[in-house]
Amino acid sequence: MEKSNKRTKILKKGEIIPMTFDYVFTGIFNNENNIDIVENFLSVYFDKPLKEIKGHVKIKSRYLGIDNKREKNKQVDLILEINGNKINIELNNNSSEGLKNRNVVY
């Protein structure tokens, strides 16, 4: 990607926006129309047969409750429910103790 003067990135011809961009990831995985992609991902990630997962996954709201007026809009990348268990998936482009700790708290 090339930088432009307006602090935006311009795609070169044939270039695609990678899944590591938050809005791309959430746009695909938080969409009920793409539940088959989510089910396939979970099948591979948890090493479970797809037939055990297919039809049992629900995409939940990614917005968390705000406890006081000083908190910003609390949201996570993806919350799923499968057979009564909630799974929070966070996408991070880098790794730091602060990010790990925040993800555990969420």
Protein backbone atom coordinates (compact mmCIF):
# COMPACT_ATOMS: atom_id res chain seq x y z
CA MET A 1 0.00 0.00 0.00
CA GLU A 2 1.09 3.52 -0.71
CA LYS A 3 0.52 6.39 1.70
CA SER A 4 -1.30 9.44 0.42
CA ASN A 5 -1.16 12.98 1.78
CA LYS A 6 -4.49 12.57 3.59
CA ARG A 7 -3.22 9.90 6.04
CA THR A 8 -5.11 7.23 4.14
CA LYS A 9 -3.67 4.31 2.30
CA ILE A 10 -4.28 3.77 -1.37
CA LEU A 11 -4.37 0.25 -2.73
CA LYS A 12 -2.16 -0.54 -5.66
CA LYS A 13 -3.76 -2.29 -8.61
CA GLY A 14 -4.43 -5.93 -7.68
CA GLU A 15 -3.72 -5.36 -3.97
CA ILE A 16 -6.29 -6.41 -1.38
CA ILE A 17 -6.93 -5.21 2.15
CA PRO A 18 -5.58 -7.87 4.51
CA MET A 19 -7.74 -9.67 7.09
CA THR A 20 -5.52 -8.21 9.82
CA PHE A 21 -7.32 -4.88 9.42
CA ASP A 22 -9.95 -4.76 12.14
CA TYR A 23 -12.80 -3.52 9.96
CA VAL A 24 -12.15 -6.26 7.38
CA PHE A 25 -12.02 -9.00 10.03
CA THR A 26 -15.14 -7.82 11.83
CA GLY A 27 -16.95 -7.10 8.57
CA ILE A 28 -16.52 -10.72 7.50
CA PHE A 29 -16.74 -12.62 10.79
CA ASN A 30 -19.54 -10.54 12.39
CA ASN A 31 -21.86 -11.11 9.45
CA GLU A 32 -24.56 -13.80 9.74
CA ASN A 33 -24.34 -14.27 5.97
CA ASN A 34 -20.80 -15.59 6.50
CA ILE A 35 -21.61 -18.07 9.28
CA ASP A 36 -20.14 -20.85 7.11
CA ILE A 37 -16.75 -19.08 7.20
CA VAL A 38 -16.97 -18.80 11.00
CA GLU A 39 -17.94 -22.48 11.33
CA ASN A 40 -15.06 -23.58 9.12
CA PHE A 41 -12.63 -21.41 11.09
CA LEU A 42 -13.78 -22.91 14.40
CA SER A 43 -13.57 -26.42 12.98
CA VAL A 44 -9.94 -25.91 11.98
CA TYR A 45 -8.95 -23.93 15.10
CA PHE A 46 -10.45 -26.41 17.59
CA ASP A 47 -9.62 -29.46 15.43
CA LYS A 48 -13.25 -30.61 15.49
CA PRO A 49 -15.19 -32.16 12.63
CA LEU A 50 -17.25 -29.50 10.83
CA LYS A 51 -20.40 -31.59 11.31
CA GLU A 52 -20.05 -31.12 15.11
CA ILE A 53 -19.95 -27.33 14.74
CA LYS A 54 -22.20 -26.62 11.75
CA GLY A 55 -25.56 -25.18 12.82
CA HIS A 56 -24.49 -24.69 16.45
CA VAL A 57 -22.71 -21.32 16.20
CA LYS A 58 -24.37 -17.99 16.97
CA ILE A 59 -22.73 -14.61 16.44
CA LYS A 60 -23.39 -12.45 19.51
CA SER A 61 -23.19 -8.68 19.96
CA ARG A 62 -19.61 -7.48 20.15
CA TYR A 63 -20.53 -4.46 22.30
CA LEU A 64 -19.88 -4.82 26.02
CA GLY A 65 -21.77 -2.98 28.72
CA ILE A 66 -20.36 0.33 29.91
CA ASP A 67 -20.12 0.52 33.68
CA ASN A 68 -19.41 4.23 34.15
CA LYS A 69 -19.51 7.46 32.16
CA ARG A 70 -15.70 7.68 31.79
CA GLU A 71 -15.49 4.43 29.83
CA LYS A 72 -15.20 4.51 26.09
CA ASN A 73 -17.33 2.36 23.83
CA LYS A 74 -16.26 -1.13 24.91
CA GLN A 75 -16.29 -3.58 22.07
CA VAL A 76 -14.47 -6.76 21.14
CA ASP A 77 -13.72 -8.18 17.69
CA LEU A 78 -15.97 -11.23 17.78
CA ILE A 79 -18.14 -13.04 20.33
CA LEU A 80 -19.57 -16.42 19.42
CA GLU A 81 -21.79 -18.82 21.27
CA ILE A 82 -21.51 -22.52 20.57
CA ASN A 83 -23.50 -25.06 22.56
CA GLY A 84 -23.96 -22.59 25.43
CA ASN A 85 -20.26 -21.63 25.60
CA LYS A 86 -19.16 -18.09 24.74
CA ILE A 87 -15.96 -17.55 22.78
CA ASN A 88 -14.30 -14.13 22.50
CA ILE A 89 -11.93 -13.81 19.55
CA GLU A 90 -9.58 -10.82 19.49
CA LEU A 91 -7.46 -9.92 16.47
CA ASN A 92 -4.16 -8.21 17.25
CA ASN A 93 -1.53 -7.09 14.75
CA ASN A 94 1.19 -7.20 17.37
CA SER A 95 1.84 -8.82 20.70
CA SER A 96 2.42 -7.04 23.99
CA GLU A 97 1.66 -7.79 27.62
CA GLY A 98 -0.81 -4.87 27.68
CA LEU A 99 -2.81 -6.30 24.78
CA LYS A 100 -2.77 -9.79 26.27
CA ASN A 101 -3.95 -8.49 29.63
CA ARG A 102 -6.73 -6.42 28.03
CA ASN A 103 -7.93 -9.41 26.01
CA VAL A 104 -8.03 -11.61 29.11
CA VAL A 105 -10.05 -8.97 30.98
CA TYR A 106 -12.59 -8.77 28.13
